[in-house]
Structure formats: C-alpha cells, structure tokens
Amino acid sequence: MTEAELLENAGIFWSNFVTTFGLGITVISGYLIVAYAVGASLTRSQVILVNVIFFGTMAFIVVGLNGFGGTAADLEGAAWALTTQRTFEPTAWGRWGVMIFIVLCVFAALKFMIDVRHPEAK
C-alpha cells in the first residue's frame, strides 16, 4: 500500500473509533437514565439482568475501541515508515485515555445505581 492508502485506512479506523466512543457514551447515558428513573423500584433479579446486559455491551464496546484504535495506530506507523517528510512518529496514547475514561464511566454508573437503590439516611 502507498502512504496515502495507509493514511486513508487509518482515518477510516479512527472514524470507527470515535463512532464507537459515541456509542459507549450513549449506552452509559441510557443506563444512568434507567437507574435514575426506575432503579429504586427494580427487583434484585431485574438489576442483575440490567447490569449483565450493560457490562456485556460495554465490554464489547471497549474491545471495539481497542481494535479500531490499535489498527489505526499500526497503519499510521506503517505510513510513517514509508515517508521522509513526517518528522515525528505517531503515537496512540490517546486511545488508552479514551478506553480508561469509558471504563471509569462504567464504574461510576454502577456506583450511581447502588446509590439510587440504597440511599443513605440523611
């Protein structure tokens, strides 16, 4: 592949990465809305079911983020190796930050559900 083709494919994978990130934020937002609206009235088995679906979906999204971001970074690295005009090697540290952010949001959402279901006495 030429450098242009590699960078075009990398751009496509970064677009998929950003789209998957948006999907993750949407799923987390939906979970928070459900937790706030009906979390206190759900039975234990319903909460377990909602949490299993939420965890499964978010695990799939995080794996997708890793795949899209890693492939894009690999393609950028291959393009960098072909050129003499780029002066710095591309890094993909940003994808790790996004994945850590998503994972922290998942745990914060679960904490929110616990707080809604078990309010502390004031």
PDB file of N, CA and C in Angstrom:
ATOM      1  N   MET A   1       0.835  -1.182   0.000  1.00  0.00           N
ATOM      2  CA  MET A   1       0.000   0.000   0.000  1.00  0.00           C
ATOM      3  C   MET A   1       0.877   1.241   0.000  1.00  0.00           C
ATOM      4  N   THR A   2       0.353   2.275  -0.603  1.00  0.00           N
ATOM      5  CA  THR A   2       1.073   3.539  -0.581  1.00  0.00           C
ATOM      6  C   THR A   2       0.793   4.254   0.741  1.00  0.00           C
ATOM      7  N   GLU A   3       1.564   5.306   0.965  1.00  0.00           N
ATOM      8  CA  GLU A   3       1.377   6.078   2.191  1.00  0.00           C
ATOM      9  C   GLU A   3      -0.031   6.672   2.251  1.00  0.00           C
ATOM     10  N   ALA A   4      -0.511   7.174   1.126  1.00  0.00           N
ATOM     11  CA  ALA A   4      -1.852   7.770   1.095  1.00  0.00           C
ATOM     12  C   ALA A   4      -2.931   6.740   1.427  1.00  0.00           C
ATOM     13  N   GLU A   5      -2.799   5.539   0.899  1.00  0.00           N
ATOM     14  CA  GLU A   5      -3.780   4.489   1.188  1.00  0.00           C
ATOM     15  C   GLU A   5      -3.736   4.083   2.657  1.00  0.00           C
ATOM     16  N   LEU A   6      -2.534   3.992   3.199  1.00  0.00           N
ATOM     17  CA  LEU A   6      -2.405   3.650   4.615  1.00  0.00           C
ATOM     18  C   LEU A   6      -3.059   4.707   5.500  1.00  0.00           C
ATOM     19  N   LEU A   7      -2.808   5.979   5.177  1.00  0.00           N
ATOM     20  CA  LEU A   7      -3.386   7.051   5.981  1.00  0.00           C
ATOM     21  C   LEU A   7      -4.897   7.150   5.800  1.00  0.00           C
ATOM     22  N   GLU A   8      -5.383   6.853   4.591  1.00  0.00           N
ATOM     23  CA  GLU A   8      -6.831   6.835   4.374  1.00  0.00           C
ATOM     24  C   GLU A   8      -7.485   5.743   5.225  1.00  0.00           C
ATOM     25  N   ASN A   9      -6.893   4.569   5.216  1.00  0.00           N
ATOM     26  CA  ASN A   9      -7.428   3.479   6.038  1.00  0.00           C
ATOM     27  C   ASN A   9      -7.329   3.803   7.526  1.00  0.00           C
ATOM     28  N   ALA A  10      -6.229   4.437   7.929  1.00  0.00           N
ATOM     29  CA  ALA A  10      -6.093   4.840   9.331  1.00  0.00           C
ATOM     30  C   ALA A  10      -7.196   5.823   9.708  1.00  0.00           C
ATOM     31  N   GLY A  11      -7.487   6.758   8.814  1.00  0.00           N
ATOM     32  CA  GLY A  11      -8.566   7.712   9.065  1.00  0.00           C
ATOM     33  C   GLY A  11      -9.915   7.030   9.215  1.00  0.00           C
ATOM     34  N   ILE A  12     -10.146   6.010   8.402  1.00  0.00           N
ATOM     35  CA  ILE A  12     -11.395   5.253   8.499  1.00  0.00           C
ATOM     36  C   ILE A  12     -11.484   4.558   9.858  1.00  0.00           C
ATOM     37  N   PHE A  13     -10.373   3.964  10.287  1.00  0.00           N
ATOM     38  CA  PHE A  13     -10.391   3.284  11.585  1.00  0.00           C
ATOM     39  C   PHE A  13     -10.537   4.273  12.739  1.00  0.00           C
ATOM     40  N   TRP A  14      -9.924   5.474  12.616  1.00  0.00           N
ATOM     41  CA  TRP A  14     -10.121   6.476  13.665  1.00  0.00           C
ATOM     42  C   TRP A  14     -11.574   6.932  13.689  1.00  0.00           C
ATOM     43  N   SER A  15     -12.216   7.027  12.521  1.00  0.00           N
ATOM     44  CA  SER A  15     -13.640   7.379  12.478  1.00  0.00           C
ATOM     45  C   SER A  15     -14.476   6.321  13.185  1.00  0.00           C
ATOM     46  N   ASN A  16     -14.158   5.065  12.943  1.00  0.00           N
ATOM     47  CA  ASN A  16     -14.859   3.982  13.642  1.00  0.00           C
ATOM     48  C   ASN A  16     -14.628   4.064  15.148  1.00  0.00           C
ATOM     49  N   PHE A  17     -13.413   4.425  15.543  1.00  0.00           N
ATOM     50  CA  PHE A  17     -13.064   4.574  16.952  1.00  0.00           C
ATOM     51  C   PHE A  17     -13.945   5.642  17.604  1.00  0.00           C
ATOM     52  N   VAL A  18     -14.047   6.798  16.953  1.00  0.00           N
ATOM     53  CA  VAL A  18     -14.839   7.901  17.505  1.00  0.00           C
ATOM     54  C   VAL A  18     -16.324   7.536  17.550  1.00  0.00           C
ATOM     55  N   THR A  19     -16.800   6.847  16.517  1.00  0.00           N
ATOM     56  CA  THR A  19     -18.195   6.412  16.497  1.00  0.00           C
ATOM     57  C   THR A  19     -18.473   5.428  17.631  1.00  0.00           C
ATOM     58  N   THR A  20     -17.555   4.514  17.861  1.00  0.00           N
ATOM     59  CA  THR A  20     -17.720   3.543  18.945  1.00  0.00           C
ATOM     60  C   THR A  20     -17.686   4.239  20.302  1.00  0.00           C
ATOM     61  N   PHE A  21     -16.844   5.255  20.442  1.00  0.00           N
ATOM     62  CA  PHE A  21     -16.813   6.042  21.674  1.00  0.00           C
ATOM     63  C   PHE A  21     -18.171   6.705  21.912  1.00  0.00           C
ATOM     64  N   GLY A  22     -18.732   7.291  20.869  1.00  0.00           N
ATOM     65  CA  GLY A  22     -20.056   7.905  20.989  1.00  0.00           C
ATOM     66  C   GLY A  22     -21.119   6.898  21.376  1.00  0.00           C
ATOM     67  N   LEU A  23     -21.022   5.705  20.817  1.00  0.00           N
ATOM     68  CA  LEU A  23     -21.956   4.639  21.173  1.00  0.00           C
ATOM     69  C   LEU A  23     -21.813   4.272  22.652  1.00  0.00           C
ATOM     70  N   GLY A  24     -20.581   4.215  23.128  1.00  0.00           N
ATOM     71  CA  GLY A  24     -20.345   3.907  24.541  1.00  0.00           C
ATOM     72  C   GLY A  24     -20.950   4.953  25.464  1.00  0.00           C
ATOM     73  N   ILE A  25     -20.768   6.222  25.127  1.00  0.00           N
ATOM     74  CA  ILE A  25     -21.347   7.297  25.938  1.00  0.00           C
ATOM     75  C   ILE A  25     -22.875   7.218  25.911  1.00  0.00           C
ATOM     76  N   THR A  26     -23.435   6.855  24.758  1.00  0.00           N
ATOM     77  CA  THR A  26     -24.886   6.713  24.643  1.00  0.00           C
ATOM     78  C   THR A  26     -25.405   5.586  25.532  1.00  0.00           C
ATOM     79  N   VAL A  27     -24.716   4.453  25.527  1.00  0.00           N
ATOM     80  CA  VAL A  27     -25.137   3.323  26.365  1.00  0.00           C
ATOM     81  C   VAL A  27     -25.031   3.687  27.846  1.00  0.00           C
ATOM     82  N   ILE A  28     -23.957   4.356  28.230  1.00  0.00           N
ATOM     83  CA  ILE A  28     -23.797   4.777  29.628  1.00  0.00           C
ATOM     84  C   ILE A  28     -24.906   5.756  30.013  1.00  0.00           C
ATOM     85  N   SER A  29     -25.222   6.693  29.127  1.00  0.00           N
ATOM     86  CA  SER A  29     -26.299   7.649  29.408  1.00  0.00           C
ATOM     87  C   SER A  29     -27.638   6.940  29.582  1.00  0.00           C
ATOM     88  N   GLY A  30     -27.907   5.969  28.721  1.00  0.00           N
ATOM     89  CA  GLY A  30     -29.142   5.201  28.847  1.00  0.00           C
ATOM     90  C   GLY A  30     -29.214   4.452  30.165  1.00  0.00           C
ATOM     91  N   TYR A  31     -28.101   3.871  30.572  1.00  0.00           N
ATOM     92  CA  TYR A  31     -28.054   3.151  31.850  1.00  0.00           C
ATOM     93  C   TYR A  31     -28.320   4.107  33.010  1.00  0.00           C
ATOM     94  N   LEU A  32     -27.718   5.302  32.958  1.00  0.00           N
ATOM     95  CA  LEU A  32     -27.929   6.280  34.029  1.00  0.00           C
ATOM     96  C   LEU A  32     -29.389   6.734  34.088  1.00  0.00           C
ATOM     97  N   ILE A  33     -30.013   6.914  32.931  1.00  0.00           N
ATOM     98  CA  ILE A  33     -31.423   7.315  32.903  1.00  0.00           C
ATOM     99  C   ILE A  33     -32.298   6.226  33.513  1.00  0.00           C
ATOM    100  N   VAL A  34     -32.031   4.977  33.134  1.00  0.00           N
ATOM    101  CA  VAL A  34     -32.796   3.859  33.702  1.00  0.00           C
ATOM    102  C   VAL A  34     -32.559   3.770  35.208  1.00  0.00           C
ATOM    103  N   ALA A  35     -31.314   3.922  35.632  1.00  0.00           N
ATOM    104  CA  ALA A  35     -31.002   3.843  37.062  1.00  0.00           C
ATOM    105  C   ALA A  35     -31.739   4.930  37.838  1.00  0.00           C
ATOM    106  N   TYR A  36     -31.763   6.126  37.301  1.00  0.00           N
ATOM    107  CA  TYR A  36     -32.418   7.237  37.996  1.00  0.00           C
ATOM    108  C   TYR A  36     -33.936   7.085  37.988  1.00  0.00           C
ATOM    109  N   ALA A  37     -34.485   6.686  36.839  1.00  0.00           N
ATOM    110  CA  ALA A  37     -35.942   6.639  36.694  1.00  0.00           C
ATOM    111  C   ALA A  37     -36.573   5.474  37.451  1.00  0.00           C
ATOM    112  N   VAL A  38     -35.995   4.295  37.342  1.00  0.00           N
ATOM    113  CA  VAL A  38     -36.651   3.114  37.914  1.00  0.00           C
ATOM    114  C   VAL A  38     -35.725   2.256  38.768  1.00  0.00           C
ATOM    115  N   GLY A  39     -34.511   2.696  39.005  1.00  0.00           N
ATOM    116  CA  GLY A  39     -33.547   1.870  39.731  1.00  0.00           C
ATOM    117  C   GLY A  39     -34.008   1.437  41.101  1.00  0.00           C
ATOM    118  N   ALA A  40     -34.664   2.340  41.826  1.00  0.00           N
ATOM    119  CA  ALA A  40     -35.088   2.016  43.190  1.00  0.00           C
ATOM    120  C   ALA A  40     -36.222   0.996  43.222  1.00  0.00           C
ATOM    121  N   SER A  41     -36.992   0.912  42.148  1.00  0.00           N
ATOM    122  CA  SER A  41     -38.144   0.001  42.153  1.00  0.00           C
ATOM    123  C   SER A  41     -37.867  -1.342  41.478  1.00  0.00           C
ATOM    124  N   LEU A  42     -36.671  -1.539  40.961  1.00  0.00           N
ATOM    125  CA  LEU A  42     -36.343  -2.811  40.312  1.00  0.00           C
ATOM    126  C   LEU A  42     -36.092  -3.899  41.355  1.00  0.00           C
ATOM    127  N   THR A  43     -36.461  -5.119  41.013  1.00  0.00           N
ATOM    128  CA  THR A  43     -36.142  -6.246  41.886  1.00  0.00           C
ATOM    129  C   THR A  43     -34.672  -6.607  41.718  1.00  0.00           C
ATOM    130  N   ARG A  44     -34.190  -7.443  42.610  1.00  0.00           N
ATOM    131  CA  ARG A  44     -32.781  -7.857  42.550  1.00  0.00           C
ATOM    132  C   ARG A  44     -32.465  -8.550  41.226  1.00  0.00           C
ATOM    133  N   SER A  45     -33.337  -9.437  40.781  1.00  0.00           N
ATOM    134  CA  SER A  45     -33.083 -10.154  39.522  1.00  0.00           C
ATOM    135  C   SER A  45     -33.115  -9.211  38.326  1.00  0.00           C
ATOM    136  N   GLN A  46     -33.972  -8.198  38.362  1.00  0.00           N
ATOM    137  CA  GLN A  46     -34.008  -7.223  37.276  1.00  0.00           C
ATOM    138  C   GLN A  46     -32.722  -6.401  37.231  1.00  0.00           C
ATOM    139  N   VAL A  47     -32.224  -6.019  38.392  1.00  0.00           N
ATOM    140  CA  VAL A  47     -30.963  -5.265  38.448  1.00  0.00           C
ATOM    141  C   VAL A  47     -29.816  -6.119  37.924  1.00  0.00           C
ATOM    142  N   ILE A  48     -29.797  -7.388  38.302  1.00  0.00           N
ATOM    143  CA  ILE A  48     -28.746  -8.286  37.812  1.00  0.00           C
ATOM    144  C   ILE A  48     -28.814  -8.390  36.296  1.00  0.00           C
ATOM    145  N   LEU A  49     -30.014  -8.550  35.746  1.00  0.00           N
ATOM    146  CA  LEU A  49     -30.171  -8.650  34.296  1.00  0.00           C
ATOM    147  C   LEU A  49     -29.716  -7.373  33.600  1.00  0.00           C
ATOM    148  N   VAL A  50     -30.136  -6.226  34.104  1.00  0.00           N
ATOM    149  CA  VAL A  50     -29.738  -4.946  33.507  1.00  0.00           C
ATOM    150  C   VAL A  50     -28.221  -4.784  33.572  1.00  0.00           C
ATOM    151  N   ASN A  51     -27.615  -5.135  34.702  1.00  0.00           N
ATOM    152  CA  ASN A  51     -26.167  -4.995  34.848  1.00  0.00           C
ATOM    153  C   ASN A  51     -25.398  -5.949  33.940  1.00  0.00           C
ATOM    154  N   VAL A  52     -25.885  -7.174  33.780  1.00  0.00           N
ATOM    155  CA  VAL A  52     -25.214  -8.128  32.883  1.00  0.00           C
ATOM    156  C   VAL A  52     -25.262  -7.623  31.445  1.00  0.00           C
ATOM    157  N   ILE A  53     -26.426  -7.136  31.026  1.00  0.00           N
ATOM    158  CA  ILE A  53     -26.537  -6.589  29.665  1.00  0.00           C
ATOM    159  C   ILE A  53     -25.633  -5.370  29.510  1.00  0.00           C
ATOM    160  N   PHE A  54     -25.621  -4.502  30.517  1.00  0.00           N
ATOM    161  CA  PHE A  54     -24.783  -3.301  30.472  1.00  0.00           C
ATOM    162  C   PHE A  54     -23.303  -3.662  30.398  1.00  0.00           C
ATOM    163  N   PHE A  55     -22.857  -4.566  31.274  1.00  0.00           N
ATOM    164  CA  PHE A  55     -21.451  -4.985  31.255  1.00  0.00           C
ATOM    165  C   PHE A  55     -21.073  -5.639  29.934  1.00  0.00           C
ATOM    166  N   GLY A  56     -21.926  -6.512  29.434  1.00  0.00           N
ATOM    167  CA  GLY A  56     -21.632  -7.183  28.168  1.00  0.00           C
ATOM    168  C   GLY A  56     -21.512  -6.207  27.020  1.00  0.00           C
ATOM    169  N   THR A  57     -22.437  -5.266  26.953  1.00  0.00           N
ATOM    170  CA  THR A  57     -22.397  -4.260  25.891  1.00  0.00           C
ATOM    171  C   THR A  57     -21.152  -3.395  26.011  1.00  0.00           C
ATOM    172  N   MET A  58     -20.835  -2.965  27.222  1.00  0.00           N
ATOM    173  CA  MET A  58     -19.673  -2.097  27.402  1.00  0.00           C
ATOM    174  C   MET A  58     -18.365  -2.848  27.165  1.00  0.00           C
ATOM    175  N   ALA A  59     -18.313  -4.125  27.506  1.00  0.00           N
ATOM    176  CA  ALA A  59     -17.110  -4.909  27.206  1.00  0.00           C
ATOM    177  C   ALA A  59     -16.904  -4.991  25.697  1.00  0.00           C
ATOM    178  N   PHE A  60     -17.978  -5.223  24.964  1.00  0.00           N
ATOM    179  CA  PHE A  60     -17.905  -5.267  23.502  1.00  0.00           C
ATOM    180  C   PHE A  60     -17.426  -3.927  22.946  1.00  0.00           C
ATOM    181  N   ILE A  61     -17.914  -2.831  23.510  1.00  0.00           N
ATOM    182  CA  ILE A  61     -17.518  -1.502  23.045  1.00  0.00           C
ATOM    183  C   ILE A  61     -16.046  -1.239  23.342  1.00  0.00           C
ATOM    184  N   VAL A  62     -15.574  -1.596  24.529  1.00  0.00           N
ATOM    185  CA  VAL A  62     -14.157  -1.374  24.868  1.00  0.00           C
ATOM    186  C   VAL A  62     -13.244  -2.216  23.979  1.00  0.00           C
ATOM    187  N   VAL A  63     -13.637  -3.454  23.703  1.00  0.00           N
ATOM    188  CA  VAL A  63     -12.847  -4.294  22.793  1.00  0.00           C
ATOM    189  C   VAL A  63     -12.831  -3.675  21.399  1.00  0.00           C
ATOM    190  N   GLY A  64     -13.963  -3.146  20.963  1.00  0.00           N
ATOM    191  CA  GLY A  64     -14.017  -2.466  19.667  1.00  0.00           C
ATOM    192  C   GLY A  64     -13.129  -1.237  19.631  1.00  0.00           C
ATOM    193  N   LEU A  65     -13.144  -0.457  20.704  1.00  0.00           N
ATOM    194  CA  LEU A  65     -12.267   0.711  20.782  1.00  0.00           C
ATOM    195  C   LEU A  65     -10.805   0.305  20.665  1.00  0.00           C
ATOM    196  N   ASN A  66     -10.432  -0.739  21.371  1.00  0.00           N
ATOM    197  CA  ASN A  66      -9.050  -1.211  21.316  1.00  0.00           C
ATOM    198  C   ASN A  66      -8.688  -1.681  19.908  1.00  0.00           C
ATOM    199  N   GLY A  67      -9.589  -2.404  19.273  1.00  0.00           N
ATOM    200  CA  GLY A  67      -9.315  -2.905  17.926  1.00  0.00           C
ATOM    201  C   GLY A  67      -9.188  -1.794  16.904  1.00  0.00           C
ATOM    202  N   PHE A  68     -10.150  -0.877  16.900  1.00  0.00           N
ATOM    203  CA  PHE A  68     -10.107   0.216  15.929  1.00  0.00           C
ATOM    204  C   PHE A  68      -8.911   1.129  16.171  1.00  0.00           C
ATOM    205  N   GLY A  69      -8.665   1.484  17.437  1.00  0.00           N
ATOM    206  CA  GLY A  69      -7.540   2.363  17.746  1.00  0.00           C
ATOM    207  C   GLY A  69      -6.198   1.716  17.463  1.00  0.00           C
ATOM    208  N   GLY A  70      -6.071   0.439  17.795  1.00  0.00           N
ATOM    209  CA  GLY A  70      -4.814  -0.266  17.542  1.00  0.00           C
ATOM    210  C   GLY A  70      -4.522  -0.417  16.062  1.00  0.00           C
ATOM    211  N   THR A  71      -5.541  -0.744  15.287  1.00  0.00           N
ATOM    212  CA  THR A  71      -5.352  -0.886  13.842  1.00  0.00           C
ATOM    213  C   THR A  71      -4.989   0.454  13.216  1.00  0.00           C
ATOM    214  N   ALA A  72      -5.669   1.520  13.637  1.00  0.00           N
ATOM    215  CA  ALA A  72      -5.356   2.846  13.103  1.00  0.00           C
ATOM    216  C   ALA A  72      -3.921   3.240  13.434  1.00  0.00           C
ATOM    217  N   ALA A  73      -3.494   2.969  14.652  1.00  0.00           N
ATOM    218  CA  ALA A  73      -2.124   3.299  15.045  1.00  0.00           C
ATOM    219  C   ALA A  73      -1.108   2.485  14.250  1.00  0.00           C
ATOM    220  N   ASP A  74      -1.397   1.217  14.021  1.00  0.00           N
ATOM    221  CA  ASP A  74      -0.495   0.382  13.221  1.00  0.00           C
ATOM    222  C   ASP A  74      -0.386   0.897  11.792  1.00  0.00           C
ATOM    223  N   LEU A  75      -1.515   1.293  11.213  1.00  0.00           N
ATOM    224  CA  LEU A  75      -1.497   1.826   9.850  1.00  0.00           C
ATOM    225  C   LEU A  75      -0.728   3.145   9.785  1.00  0.00           C
ATOM    226  N   GLU A  76      -0.902   3.993  10.784  1.00  0.00           N
ATOM    227  CA  GLU A  76      -0.142   5.243  10.818  1.00  0.00           C
ATOM    228  C   GLU A  76       1.353   4.976  10.958  1.00  0.00           C
ATOM    229  N   GLY A  77       1.703   3.992  11.768  1.00  0.00           N
ATOM    230  CA  GLY A  77       3.117   3.636  11.912  1.00  0.00           C
ATOM    231  C   GLY A  77       3.709   3.120  10.616  1.00  0.00           C
ATOM    232  N   ALA A  78       2.933   2.321   9.875  1.00  0.00           N
ATOM    233  CA  ALA A  78       3.408   1.816   8.587  1.00  0.00           C
ATOM    234  C   ALA A  78       3.574   2.956   7.591  1.00  0.00           C
ATOM    235  N   ALA A  79       2.647   3.919   7.606  1.00  0.00           N
ATOM    236  CA  ALA A  79       2.766   5.073   6.706  1.00  0.00           C
ATOM    237  C   ALA A  79       3.967   5.928   7.089  1.00  0.00           C
ATOM    238  N   TRP A  80       4.206   6.066   8.382  1.00  0.00           N
ATOM    239  CA  TRP A  80       5.342   6.861   8.842  1.00  0.00           C
ATOM    240  C   TRP A  80       6.659   6.239   8.381  1.00  0.00           C
ATOM    241  N   ALA A  81       6.712   4.914   8.369  1.00  0.00           N
ATOM    242  CA  ALA A  81       7.936   4.226   7.949  1.00  0.00           C
ATOM    243  C   ALA A  81       8.211   4.428   6.461  1.00  0.00           C
ATOM    244  N   LEU A  82       7.180   4.708   5.676  1.00  0.00           N
ATOM    245  CA  LEU A  82       7.357   4.884   4.230  1.00  0.00           C
ATOM    246  C   LEU A  82       7.756   6.297   3.828  1.00  0.00           C
ATOM    247  N   THR A  83       7.528   7.266   4.675  1.00  0.00           N
ATOM    248  CA  THR A  83       7.714   8.655   4.276  1.00  0.00           C
ATOM    249  C   THR A  83       9.023   9.229   4.794  1.00  0.00           C
ATOM    250  N   THR A  84       9.450  10.270   4.146  1.00  0.00           N
ATOM    251  CA  THR A  84      10.622  11.012   4.617  1.00  0.00           C
ATOM    252  C   THR A  84      10.219  12.409   5.062  1.00  0.00           C
ATOM    253  N   GLN A  85       8.946  12.741   4.961  1.00  0.00           N
ATOM    254  CA  GLN A  85       8.500  14.104   5.250  1.00  0.00           C
ATOM    255  C   GLN A  85       7.938  14.283   6.653  1.00  0.00           C
ATOM    256  N   ARG A  86       7.449  13.239   7.255  1.00  0.00           N
ATOM    257  CA  ARG A  86       6.918  13.369   8.612  1.00  0.00           C
ATOM    258  C   ARG A  86       8.081  13.356   9.595  1.00  0.00           C
ATOM    259  N   THR A  87       8.052  14.273  10.526  1.00  0.00           N
ATOM    260  CA  THR A  87       9.202  14.424  11.419  1.00  0.00           C
ATOM    261  C   THR A  87       9.005  13.768  12.780  1.00  0.00           C
ATOM    262  N   PHE A  88       7.826  13.327  13.089  1.00  0.00           N
ATOM    263  CA  PHE A  88       7.601  12.680  14.383  1.00  0.00           C
ATOM    264  C   PHE A  88       6.822  11.391  14.167  1.00  0.00           C
ATOM    265  N   GLU A  89       7.140  10.422  14.992  1.00  0.00           N
ATOM    266  CA  GLU A  89       6.455   9.142  14.893  1.00  0.00           C
ATOM    267  C   GLU A  89       5.088   9.241  15.562  1.00  0.00           C
ATOM    268  N   PRO A  90       4.037   8.729  14.918  1.00  0.00           N
ATOM    269  CA  PRO A  90       2.710   8.811  15.527  1.00  0.00           C
ATOM    270  C   PRO A  90       2.612   7.928  16.770  1.00  0.00           C
ATOM    271  N   THR A  91       1.880   8.404  17.734  1.00  0.00           N
ATOM    272  CA  THR A  91       1.641   7.621  18.945  1.00  0.00           C
ATOM    273  C   THR A  91       0.136   7.436  19.115  1.00  0.00           C
ATOM    274  N   ALA A  92      -0.231   6.431  19.836  1.00  0.00           N
ATOM    275  CA  ALA A  92      -1.653   6.136  20.035  1.00  0.00           C
ATOM    276  C   ALA A  92      -2.019   6.172  21.508  1.00  0.00           C
ATOM    277  N   TRP A  93      -1.368   7.043  22.276  1.00  0.00           N
ATOM    278  CA  TRP A  93      -1.658   7.098  23.700  1.00  0.00           C
ATOM    279  C   TRP A  93      -3.079   7.585  23.956  1.00  0.00           C
ATOM    280  N   GLY A  94      -3.634   8.366  23.044  1.00  0.00           N
ATOM    281  CA  GLY A  94      -4.981   8.900  23.224  1.00  0.00           C
ATOM    282  C   GLY A  94      -6.036   7.823  23.322  1.00  0.00           C
ATOM    283  N   ARG A  95      -5.843   6.736  22.589  1.00  0.00           N
ATOM    284  CA  ARG A  95      -6.849   5.667  22.629  1.00  0.00           C
ATOM    285  C   ARG A  95      -6.905   5.026  24.007  1.00  0.00           C
ATOM    286  N   TRP A  96      -5.764   4.932  24.684  1.00  0.00           N
ATOM    287  CA  TRP A  96      -5.770   4.356  26.029  1.00  0.00           C
ATOM    288  C   TRP A  96      -6.507   5.274  26.992  1.00  0.00           C
ATOM    289  N   GLY A  97      -6.330   6.567  26.827  1.00  0.00           N
ATOM    290  CA  GLY A  97      -7.053   7.515  27.667  1.00  0.00           C
ATOM    291  C   GLY A  97      -8.555   7.417  27.486  1.00  0.00           C
ATOM    292  N   VAL A  98      -8.989   7.257  26.239  1.00  0.00           N
ATOM    293  CA  VAL A  98     -10.421   7.121  25.958  1.00  0.00           C
ATOM    294  C   VAL A  98     -10.960   5.832  26.564  1.00  0.00           C
ATOM    295  N   MET A  99     -10.224   4.746  26.425  1.00  0.00           N
ATOM    296  CA  MET A  99     -10.695   3.470  26.978  1.00  0.00           C
ATOM    297  C   MET A  99     -10.749   3.516  28.507  1.00  0.00           C
ATOM    298  N   ILE A 100      -9.756   4.133  29.136  1.00  0.00           N
ATOM    299  CA  ILE A 100      -9.766   4.269  30.598  1.00  0.00           C
ATOM    300  C   ILE A 100     -10.945   5.135  31.033  1.00  0.00           C
ATOM    301  N   PHE A 101     -11.209   6.206  30.286  1.00  0.00           N
ATOM    302  CA  PHE A 101     -12.347   7.073  30.588  1.00  0.00           C
ATOM    303  C   PHE A 101     -13.657   6.294  30.530  1.00  0.00           C
ATOM    304  N   ILE A 102     -13.836   5.496  29.499  1.00  0.00           N
ATOM    305  CA  ILE A 102     -15.062   4.699  29.356  1.00  0.00           C
ATOM    306  C   ILE A 102     -15.202   3.719  30.527  1.00  0.00           C
ATOM    307  N   VAL A 103     -14.120   3.043  30.880  1.00  0.00           N
ATOM    308  CA  VAL A 103     -14.176   2.078  31.986  1.00  0.00           C
ATOM    309  C   VAL A 103     -14.509   2.787  33.303  1.00  0.00           C
ATOM    310  N   LEU A 104     -13.917   3.951  33.538  1.00  0.00           N
ATOM    311  CA  LEU A 104     -14.239   4.710  34.750  1.00  0.00           C
ATOM    312  C   LEU A 104     -15.703   5.148  34.757  1.00  0.00           C
ATOM    313  N   CYS A 105     -16.222   5.520  33.594  1.00  0.00           N
ATOM    314  CA  CYS A 105     -17.639   5.893  33.494  1.00  0.00           C
ATOM    315  C   CYS A 105     -18.547   4.709  33.804  1.00  0.00           C
ATOM    316  N   VAL A 106     -18.153   3.518  33.380  1.00  0.00           N
ATOM    317  CA  VAL A 106     -18.948   2.318  33.681  1.00  0.00           C
ATOM    318  C   VAL A 106     -19.019   2.109  35.191  1.00  0.00           C
ATOM    319  N   PHE A 107     -17.888   2.202  35.867  1.00  0.00           N
ATOM    320  CA  PHE A 107     -17.892   2.007  37.317  1.00  0.00           C
ATOM    321  C   PHE A 107     -18.642   3.128  38.037  1.00  0.00           C
ATOM    322  N   ALA A 108     -18.540   4.356  37.527  1.00  0.00           N
ATOM    323  CA  ALA A 108     -19.300   5.460  38.118  1.00  0.00           C
ATOM    324  C   ALA A 108     -20.799   5.238  37.940  1.00  0.00           C
ATOM    325  N   ALA A 109     -21.205   4.711  36.787  1.00  0.00           N
ATOM    326  CA  ALA A 109     -22.623   4.423  36.553  1.00  0.00           C
ATOM    327  C   ALA A 109     -23.122   3.334  37.497  1.00  0.00           C
ATOM    328  N   LEU A 110     -22.304   2.316  37.723  1.00  0.00           N
ATOM    329  CA  LEU A 110     -22.695   1.264  38.666  1.00  0.00           C
ATOM    330  C   LEU A 110     -22.811   1.811  40.088  1.00  0.00           C
ATOM    331  N   LYS A 111     -21.909   2.688  40.468  1.00  0.00           N
ATOM    332  CA  LYS A 111     -21.976   3.332  41.786  1.00  0.00           C
ATOM    333  C   LYS A 111     -23.249   4.168  41.896  1.00  0.00           C
ATOM    334  N   PHE A 112     -23.615   4.830  40.820  1.00  0.00           N
ATOM    335  CA  PHE A 112     -24.849   5.611  40.803  1.00  0.00           C
ATOM    336  C   PHE A 112     -26.056   4.708  41.025  1.00  0.00           C
ATOM    337  N   MET A 113     -26.078   3.563  40.370  1.00  0.00           N
ATOM    338  CA  MET A 113     -27.187   2.610  40.549  1.00  0.00           C
ATOM    339  C   MET A 113     -27.254   2.144  42.002  1.00  0.00           C
ATOM    340  N   ILE A 114     -26.108   1.854  42.601  1.00  0.00           N
ATOM    341  CA  ILE A 114     -26.085   1.428  44.006  1.00  0.00           C
ATOM    342  C   ILE A 114     -26.634   2.535  44.903  1.00  0.00           C
ATOM    343  N   ASP A 115     -26.222   3.780  44.640  1.00  0.00           N
ATOM    344  CA  ASP A 115     -26.697   4.901  45.454  1.00  0.00           C
ATOM    345  C   ASP A 115     -28.197   5.121  45.301  1.00  0.00           C
ATOM    346  N   VAL A 116     -28.727   4.916  44.104  1.00  0.00           N
ATOM    347  CA  VAL A 116     -30.167   5.074  43.887  1.00  0.00           C
ATOM    348  C   VAL A 116     -30.933   3.970  44.603  1.00  0.00           C
ATOM    349  N   ARG A 117     -30.405   2.761  44.575  1.00  0.00           N
ATOM    350  CA  ARG A 117     -31.105   1.624  45.187  1.00  0.00           C
ATOM    351  C   ARG A 117     -30.977   1.610  46.706  1.00  0.00           C
ATOM    352  N   HIS A 118     -29.893   2.138  47.226  1.00  0.00           N
ATOM    353  CA  HIS A 118     -29.655   2.120  48.675  1.00  0.00           C
ATOM    354  C   HIS A 118     -29.310   3.534  49.157  1.00  0.00           C
ATOM    355  N   PRO A 119     -30.299   4.400  49.212  1.00  0.00           N
ATOM    356  CA  PRO A 119     -29.995   5.772  49.659  1.00  0.00           C
ATOM    357  C   PRO A 119     -29.598   5.779  51.138  1.00  0.00           C
ATOM    358  N   GLU A 120     -28.639   6.604  51.455  1.00  0.00           N
ATOM    359  CA  GLU A 120     -28.187   6.709  52.840  1.00  0.00           C
ATOM    360  C   GLU A 120     -29.141   7.614  53.618  1.00  0.00           C
ATOM    361  N   ALA A 121     -29.266   7.346  54.891  1.00  0.00           N
ATOM    362  CA  ALA A 121     -30.112   8.193  55.738  1.00  0.00           C
ATOM    363  C   ALA A 121     -29.467   9.559  55.885  1.00  0.00           C
ATOM    364  N   LYS A 122     -30.302  10.590  55.802  1.00  0.00           N
ATOM    365  CA  LYS A 122     -29.764  11.954  55.909  1.00  0.00           C
ATOM    366  C   LYS A 122     -29.900  12.496  57.303  1.00  0.00           C
TER     367      LYS A 122
END
